[in-house]
N, C-alpha and C. Protein backbone atom coordinates (compact mmCIF):
# COMPACT_ATOMS: atom_id res chain seq x y z
N UNK A 1 42.56 213.83 236.38
CA UNK A 1 42.50 213.01 237.59
C UNK A 1 42.27 213.95 238.78
N UNK A 2 41.21 213.73 239.53
CA UNK A 2 40.96 214.58 240.70
C UNK A 2 41.97 214.28 241.82
N UNK A 3 42.13 215.25 242.70
CA UNK A 3 42.98 215.04 243.88
C UNK A 3 42.16 214.29 244.91
N UNK A 4 42.67 213.16 245.33
CA UNK A 4 41.95 212.33 246.29
C UNK A 4 42.85 211.94 247.44
N UNK A 5 42.28 211.84 248.61
CA UNK A 5 43.01 211.34 249.76
C UNK A 5 42.62 209.90 250.07
N UNK A 6 41.48 209.49 249.55
CA UNK A 6 41.00 208.14 249.77
C UNK A 6 41.55 207.25 248.66
N UNK A 7 42.44 206.36 249.01
CA UNK A 7 43.10 205.52 248.01
C UNK A 7 42.15 204.53 247.35
N UNK A 8 41.09 204.13 248.05
CA UNK A 8 40.10 203.24 247.45
C UNK A 8 39.34 203.97 246.33
N UNK A 9 39.05 205.26 246.52
CA UNK A 9 38.41 206.04 245.47
C UNK A 9 39.34 206.19 244.27
N UNK A 10 40.61 206.40 244.53
CA UNK A 10 41.59 206.49 243.45
C UNK A 10 41.67 205.17 242.69
N UNK A 11 41.67 204.08 243.42
CA UNK A 11 41.69 202.75 242.78
C UNK A 11 40.48 202.57 241.87
N UNK A 12 39.31 203.02 242.32
CA UNK A 12 38.10 202.88 241.51
C UNK A 12 38.25 203.61 240.17
N UNK A 13 38.96 204.73 240.17
CA UNK A 13 39.19 205.46 238.92
C UNK A 13 40.22 204.76 238.03
N UNK A 14 41.22 204.15 238.63
CA UNK A 14 42.30 203.51 237.88
C UNK A 14 41.97 202.09 237.42
N UNK A 15 41.12 201.42 238.17
CA UNK A 15 40.87 200.00 237.97
C UNK A 15 40.42 199.62 236.55
N UNK A 16 39.58 200.42 235.87
CA UNK A 16 39.21 200.02 234.50
C UNK A 16 40.40 199.90 233.56
N UNK A 17 41.40 200.75 233.73
CA UNK A 17 42.58 200.70 232.86
C UNK A 17 43.70 199.82 233.42
N UNK A 18 43.69 199.61 234.74
CA UNK A 18 44.75 198.83 235.39
C UNK A 18 44.13 197.81 236.33
N UNK A 19 43.48 196.78 235.79
CA UNK A 19 42.79 195.81 236.65
C UNK A 19 43.71 195.07 237.62
N UNK A 20 44.99 195.01 237.33
CA UNK A 20 45.92 194.31 238.23
C UNK A 20 46.01 195.00 239.59
N UNK A 21 45.66 196.28 239.66
CA UNK A 21 45.74 197.01 240.92
C UNK A 21 44.68 196.56 241.93
N UNK A 22 43.65 195.87 241.46
CA UNK A 22 42.58 195.45 242.36
C UNK A 22 43.11 194.57 243.49
N UNK A 23 44.20 193.86 243.25
CA UNK A 23 44.77 193.00 244.29
C UNK A 23 45.32 193.80 245.46
N UNK A 24 45.48 195.11 245.29
CA UNK A 24 46.02 195.96 246.35
C UNK A 24 44.91 196.64 247.16
N UNK A 25 43.65 196.36 246.85
CA UNK A 25 42.54 197.12 247.45
C UNK A 25 42.55 197.11 248.97
N UNK A 26 42.69 195.96 249.60
CA UNK A 26 42.64 195.93 251.07
C UNK A 26 43.79 196.73 251.67
N UNK A 27 44.95 196.68 251.06
CA UNK A 27 46.07 197.47 251.54
C UNK A 27 45.85 198.96 251.36
N UNK A 28 45.24 199.35 250.24
CA UNK A 28 44.98 200.77 250.00
C UNK A 28 43.96 201.32 251.00
N UNK A 29 42.97 200.52 251.33
CA UNK A 29 41.99 200.94 252.34
C UNK A 29 42.69 201.13 253.69
N UNK A 30 43.53 200.18 254.05
CA UNK A 30 44.28 200.27 255.30
C UNK A 30 45.16 201.52 255.33
N UNK A 31 45.88 201.76 254.25
CA UNK A 31 46.76 202.93 254.20
C UNK A 31 45.98 204.24 254.28
N UNK A 32 44.82 204.30 253.65
CA UNK A 32 43.98 205.50 253.75
C UNK A 32 43.57 205.75 255.19
N UNK A 33 43.20 204.69 255.89
CA UNK A 33 42.82 204.82 257.30
C UNK A 33 43.97 205.35 258.14
N UNK A 34 45.18 204.83 257.93
CA UNK A 34 46.33 205.28 258.69
C UNK A 34 46.64 206.74 258.40
N UNK A 35 46.49 207.15 257.17
CA UNK A 35 46.81 208.53 256.79
C UNK A 35 45.97 209.53 257.56
N UNK A 36 44.73 209.17 257.87
CA UNK A 36 43.84 210.08 258.59
C UNK A 36 43.90 209.81 260.09
N UNK A 37 43.77 208.58 260.50
CA UNK A 37 43.65 208.24 261.93
C UNK A 37 44.88 208.62 262.74
N UNK A 38 46.06 208.42 262.20
CA UNK A 38 47.27 208.67 262.98
C UNK A 38 47.71 210.12 262.94
N UNK A 39 46.98 210.94 262.24
CA UNK A 39 47.31 212.36 262.13
C UNK A 39 46.94 213.13 263.39
N UNK A 40 46.04 212.59 264.17
CA UNK A 40 45.50 213.32 265.31
C UNK A 40 46.03 212.77 266.63
N UNK A 41 46.33 213.63 267.59
CA UNK A 41 46.85 213.18 268.89
C UNK A 41 45.89 212.21 269.57
N UNK A 42 46.46 211.26 270.26
CA UNK A 42 45.65 210.30 271.01
C UNK A 42 45.40 209.01 270.25
N UNK A 43 45.55 209.04 268.95
CA UNK A 43 45.38 207.81 268.17
C UNK A 43 46.76 207.18 267.99
N UNK A 44 46.88 205.96 268.47
CA UNK A 44 48.17 205.28 268.39
C UNK A 44 48.08 204.08 267.47
N UNK A 45 49.20 203.71 266.94
CA UNK A 45 49.32 202.55 266.08
C UNK A 45 50.33 201.60 266.72
N UNK A 46 49.98 200.33 266.75
CA UNK A 46 50.90 199.35 267.31
C UNK A 46 52.06 199.09 266.35
N UNK A 47 53.09 198.47 266.86
CA UNK A 47 54.24 198.13 266.02
C UNK A 47 53.81 197.18 264.91
N UNK A 48 52.93 196.25 265.24
CA UNK A 48 52.43 195.29 264.25
C UNK A 48 51.67 196.00 263.13
N UNK A 49 50.83 196.97 263.50
CA UNK A 49 50.09 197.73 262.50
C UNK A 49 51.02 198.58 261.64
N UNK A 50 52.01 199.18 262.25
CA UNK A 50 52.96 199.99 261.50
C UNK A 50 53.76 199.14 260.52
N UNK A 51 54.16 197.95 260.96
CA UNK A 51 54.90 197.04 260.09
C UNK A 51 54.03 196.62 258.90
N UNK A 52 52.77 196.33 259.17
CA UNK A 52 51.84 195.97 258.10
C UNK A 52 51.68 197.12 257.11
N UNK A 53 51.53 198.33 257.63
CA UNK A 53 51.38 199.50 256.76
C UNK A 53 52.61 199.69 255.88
N UNK A 54 53.79 199.48 256.44
CA UNK A 54 55.02 199.61 255.65
C UNK A 54 55.10 198.55 254.55
N UNK A 55 54.66 197.33 254.86
CA UNK A 55 54.64 196.28 253.83
C UNK A 55 53.70 196.65 252.69
N UNK A 56 52.50 197.13 253.04
CA UNK A 56 51.53 197.54 252.01
C UNK A 56 52.09 198.70 251.19
N UNK A 57 52.74 199.64 251.87
CA UNK A 57 53.30 200.78 251.16
C UNK A 57 54.32 200.33 250.11
N UNK A 58 55.14 199.38 250.47
CA UNK A 58 56.14 198.87 249.52
C UNK A 58 55.46 198.15 248.35
N UNK A 59 54.42 197.38 248.62
CA UNK A 59 53.69 196.69 247.54
C UNK A 59 53.06 197.70 246.58
N UNK A 60 52.44 198.73 247.13
CA UNK A 60 51.80 199.75 246.30
C UNK A 60 52.86 200.52 245.51
N UNK A 61 53.95 200.86 246.14
CA UNK A 61 55.03 201.59 245.46
C UNK A 61 55.60 200.77 244.31
N UNK A 62 55.82 199.49 244.56
CA UNK A 62 56.35 198.62 243.51
C UNK A 62 55.38 198.53 242.34
N UNK A 63 54.08 198.36 242.62
CA UNK A 63 53.09 198.28 241.56
C UNK A 63 53.04 199.58 240.76
N UNK A 64 53.09 200.72 241.44
CA UNK A 64 53.06 202.02 240.76
C UNK A 64 54.29 202.19 239.87
N UNK A 65 55.44 201.84 240.40
CA UNK A 65 56.67 201.96 239.61
C UNK A 65 56.61 201.07 238.38
N UNK A 66 56.08 199.86 238.52
CA UNK A 66 55.96 198.95 237.39
C UNK A 66 55.04 199.52 236.31
N UNK A 67 53.89 200.06 236.73
CA UNK A 67 52.95 200.64 235.77
C UNK A 67 53.53 201.85 235.05
N UNK A 68 54.36 202.61 235.74
CA UNK A 68 54.95 203.81 235.15
C UNK A 68 56.26 203.53 234.42
N UNK A 69 56.71 202.28 234.47
CA UNK A 69 57.95 201.92 233.79
C UNK A 69 59.20 202.46 234.48
N UNK A 70 59.10 202.62 235.80
CA UNK A 70 60.25 203.12 236.57
C UNK A 70 60.97 201.93 237.18
N UNK A 71 62.26 201.87 236.97
CA UNK A 71 63.04 200.77 237.52
C UNK A 71 63.01 200.79 239.05
N UNK A 72 63.13 199.61 239.65
CA UNK A 72 63.21 199.58 241.12
C UNK A 72 64.45 200.32 241.59
N UNK A 73 64.37 200.92 242.77
CA UNK A 73 65.55 201.61 243.28
C UNK A 73 66.68 200.62 243.56
N UNK A 74 67.89 201.10 243.40
CA UNK A 74 69.04 200.25 243.71
C UNK A 74 69.14 200.06 245.20
N UNK A 75 69.54 198.87 245.63
CA UNK A 75 69.71 198.66 247.08
C UNK A 75 70.76 199.61 247.62
N UNK A 76 70.51 200.10 248.81
CA UNK A 76 71.47 201.01 249.43
C UNK A 76 72.68 200.20 249.89
N UNK A 77 73.84 200.73 249.60
CA UNK A 77 75.06 200.05 250.06
C UNK A 77 75.34 200.48 251.49
N UNK A 78 75.98 199.60 252.27
CA UNK A 78 76.29 199.95 253.65
C UNK A 78 77.25 201.13 253.70
N UNK A 79 77.16 201.95 254.75
CA UNK A 79 78.08 203.09 254.85
C UNK A 79 79.53 202.63 254.94
N UNK A 80 80.40 203.44 254.34
CA UNK A 80 81.84 203.12 254.37
C UNK A 80 82.39 203.49 255.73
N UNK A 81 83.32 202.68 256.20
CA UNK A 81 83.94 202.92 257.52
C UNK A 81 85.21 203.69 257.35
């Protein structure tokens, strides 16, 4: 597997073996854009865009964990007082 920064290119490599990942394509494209665009000074992201990126990140993480057979993380318990 080559090292890729473009998640859509990575999806193209994985899609023949994992067709269910195709449903994540628009989110992967969005996340690739954020990874590059927000790295440089002067480029800002709105709160709405950041919230959307976090939602996509969680969807992608959940799908990856499912494919790899990794259990979901346990919910964090509130700090003890």
